[in-house]
C-alpha atoms as a PDB file:
ATOM      1  CA  MET A   1       7.806   7.819  19.737  1.00  0.00           C
ATOM      2  CA  LYS A   2       5.351   6.854  16.999  1.00  0.00           C
ATOM      3  CA  HIS A   3       6.497   4.247  14.457  1.00  0.00           C
ATOM      4  CA  TYR A   4       5.269   4.253  10.854  1.00  0.00           C
ATOM      5  CA  LEU A   5       5.606   1.538   8.213  1.00  0.00           C
ATOM      6  CA  SER A   6       7.488   2.069   4.959  1.00  0.00           C
ATOM      7  CA  VAL A   7       6.462   0.549   1.628  1.00  0.00           C
ATOM      8  CA  LYS A   8       9.133  -2.099   2.087  1.00  0.00           C
ATOM      9  CA  GLN A   9       7.831  -2.959   5.559  1.00  0.00           C
ATOM     10  CA  ILE A  10       4.236  -3.100   4.292  1.00  0.00           C
ATOM     11  CA  ALA A  11       5.285  -5.542   1.559  1.00  0.00           C
ATOM     12  CA  ALA A  12       7.115  -7.740   4.066  1.00  0.00           C
ATOM     13  CA  ARG A  13       4.276  -7.631   6.589  1.00  0.00           C
ATOM     14  CA  THR A  14       1.549  -8.470   4.055  1.00  0.00           C
ATOM     15  CA  GLY A  15       3.553 -10.898   1.918  1.00  0.00           C
ATOM     16  CA  GLN A  16       2.725  -8.870  -1.192  1.00  0.00           C
ATOM     17  CA  PRO A  17       5.408  -8.057  -3.759  1.00  0.00           C
ATOM     18  CA  TYR A  18       7.144  -4.729  -3.176  1.00  0.00           C
ATOM     19  CA  GLU A  19       6.222  -3.578  -6.702  1.00  0.00           C
ATOM     20  CA  THR A  20       2.530  -4.286  -6.047  1.00  0.00           C
ATOM     21  CA  ILE A  21       2.554  -2.118  -2.940  1.00  0.00           C
ATOM     22  CA  ARG A  22       4.505   0.626  -4.783  1.00  0.00           C
ATOM     23  CA  SER A  23       1.912   0.557  -7.559  1.00  0.00           C
ATOM     24  CA  LEU A  24      -0.980   0.833  -5.097  1.00  0.00           C
ATOM     25  CA  VAL A  25       0.759   3.691  -3.281  1.00  0.00           C
ATOM     26  CA  GLY A  26       1.505   5.475  -6.551  1.00  0.00           C
ATOM     27  CA  ARG A  27      -2.090   5.317  -7.720  1.00  0.00           C
ATOM     28  CA  ARG A  28      -3.309   6.596  -4.350  1.00  0.00           C
ATOM     29  CA  ILE A  29      -0.844   9.481  -4.101  1.00  0.00           C
ATOM     30  CA  ALA A  30      -0.610  10.569  -7.748  1.00  0.00           C
ATOM     31  CA  LYS A  31      -4.194   9.983  -8.844  1.00  0.00           C
ATOM     32  CA  GLY A  32      -6.176   9.742  -5.620  1.00  0.00           C
ATOM     33  CA  VAL A  33      -7.662   6.392  -6.650  1.00  0.00           C
ATOM     34  CA  GLY A  34      -7.806   3.001  -5.033  1.00  0.00           C
ATOM     35  CA  ASP A  35      -8.513   1.819  -1.523  1.00  0.00           C
ATOM     36  CA  PHE A  36      -4.918   1.898  -0.272  1.00  0.00           C
ATOM     37  CA  PRO A  37      -4.783   4.171   2.789  1.00  0.00           C
ATOM     38  CA  GLU A  38      -3.488   7.718   2.577  1.00  0.00           C
ATOM     39  CA  PRO A  39      -0.062   8.054   4.202  1.00  0.00           C
ATOM     40  CA  SER A  40      -0.203   8.858   7.904  1.00  0.00           C
ATOM     41  CA  VAL A  41       2.916  10.996   7.597  1.00  0.00           C
ATOM     42  CA  VAL A  42       4.714  12.677   4.699  1.00  0.00           C
ATOM     43  CA  ILE A  43       8.226  14.041   4.887  1.00  0.00           C
ATOM     44  CA  GLY A  44       8.897  16.405   1.983  1.00  0.00           C
ATOM     45  CA  ALA A  45       6.486  17.599  -0.691  1.00  0.00           C
ATOM     46  CA  LEU A  46       3.374  15.432  -1.088  1.00  0.00           C
ATOM     47  CA  GLY A  47       3.627  13.658  -4.421  1.00  0.00           C
ATOM     48  CA  GLY A  48       7.235  14.700  -4.857  1.00  0.00           C
ATOM     49  CA  ARG A  49       9.860  12.189  -5.911  1.00  0.00           C
ATOM     50  CA  SER A  50      11.926  12.963  -2.817  1.00  0.00           C
ATOM     51  CA  ALA A  51       9.031  12.591  -0.389  1.00  0.00           C
ATOM     52  CA  THR A  52       9.085   9.840   2.214  1.00  0.00           C
ATOM     53  CA  TYR A  53       5.785   8.317   3.305  1.00  0.00           C
ATOM     54  CA  GLY A  54       4.782   6.332   6.352  1.00  0.00           C
ATOM     55  CA  TRP A  55       1.627   4.459   7.310  1.00  0.00           C
ATOM     56  CA  ASP A  56       0.148   3.600  10.682  1.00  0.00           C
ATOM     57  CA  GLU A  57       0.189  -0.172  11.063  1.00  0.00           C
ATOM     58  CA  ARG A  58      -3.488  -0.212  12.135  1.00  0.00           C
ATOM     59  CA  ASP A  59      -4.477   1.464   8.852  1.00  0.00           C
ATOM     60  CA  ILE A  60      -2.488  -1.132   6.901  1.00  0.00           C
ATOM     61  CA  GLU A  61      -3.948  -4.060   8.870  1.00  0.00           C
ATOM     62  CA  LYS A  62      -7.483  -2.752   8.272  1.00  0.00           C
ATOM     63  CA  TRP A  63      -6.816  -2.218   4.550  1.00  0.00           C
ATOM     64  CA  PHE A  64      -5.138  -5.610   4.098  1.00  0.00           C
ATOM     65  CA  ALA A  65      -7.981  -7.484   5.780  1.00  0.00           C
ATOM     66  CA  GLY A  66     -10.235  -6.426   2.896  1.00  0.00           C
ATOM     67  CA  TYR A  67      -7.566  -6.535   0.212  1.00  0.00           C
ATOM     68  CA  ALA A  68      -6.518 -10.105   0.990  1.00  0.00           C
ATOM     69  CA  VAL A  69     -10.087 -11.261   0.374  1.00  0.00           C
ATOM     70  CA  ASN A  70     -10.784  -9.159  -2.725  1.00  0.00           C
ATOM     71  CA  LYS A  71      -7.408  -8.815  -4.522  1.00  0.00           C
ATOM     72  CA  PRO A  72      -8.694  -7.196  -7.731  1.00  0.00           C
ATOM     73  CA  HIS A  73      -5.659  -8.138  -9.801  1.00  0.00           C
ATOM     74  CA  SER A  74      -5.036 -11.590  -8.383  1.00  0.00           C
ATOM     75  CA  ARG A  75      -4.743 -14.460 -10.798  1.00  0.00           C
ATOM     76  CA  SER A  76      -4.712 -17.077  -8.079  1.00  0.00           C
ATOM     77  CA  GLY A  77      -7.447 -19.634  -8.265  1.00  0.00           C
ATOM     78  CA  LYS A  78      -8.207 -18.975 -11.937  1.00  0.00           C
ATOM     79  CA  THR A  79      -7.984 -21.791 -14.414  1.00  0.00           C
ATOM     80  CA  SER A  80      -7.747 -21.597 -18.161  1.00  0.00           C
ATOM     81  CA  GLY A  81     -10.347 -22.897 -20.531  1.00  0.00           C
END
């Protein structure tokens, strides 16, 4: 049986806040923007509020390898003034 990752599992695996992952997923699904991977599986209507999404862990690992280096919204490492 194939296993897919949920948003909650992606957040735990990557160490990113759940809300960050939800935001990235929302932009990808609703607007088709961003580099977050398309879901590998969708249960229910794509884009629907009752839909459940799952991602292949290889797709997430590949995405996170680039994201961890380039975090576009990260404030870490910045200093004021």
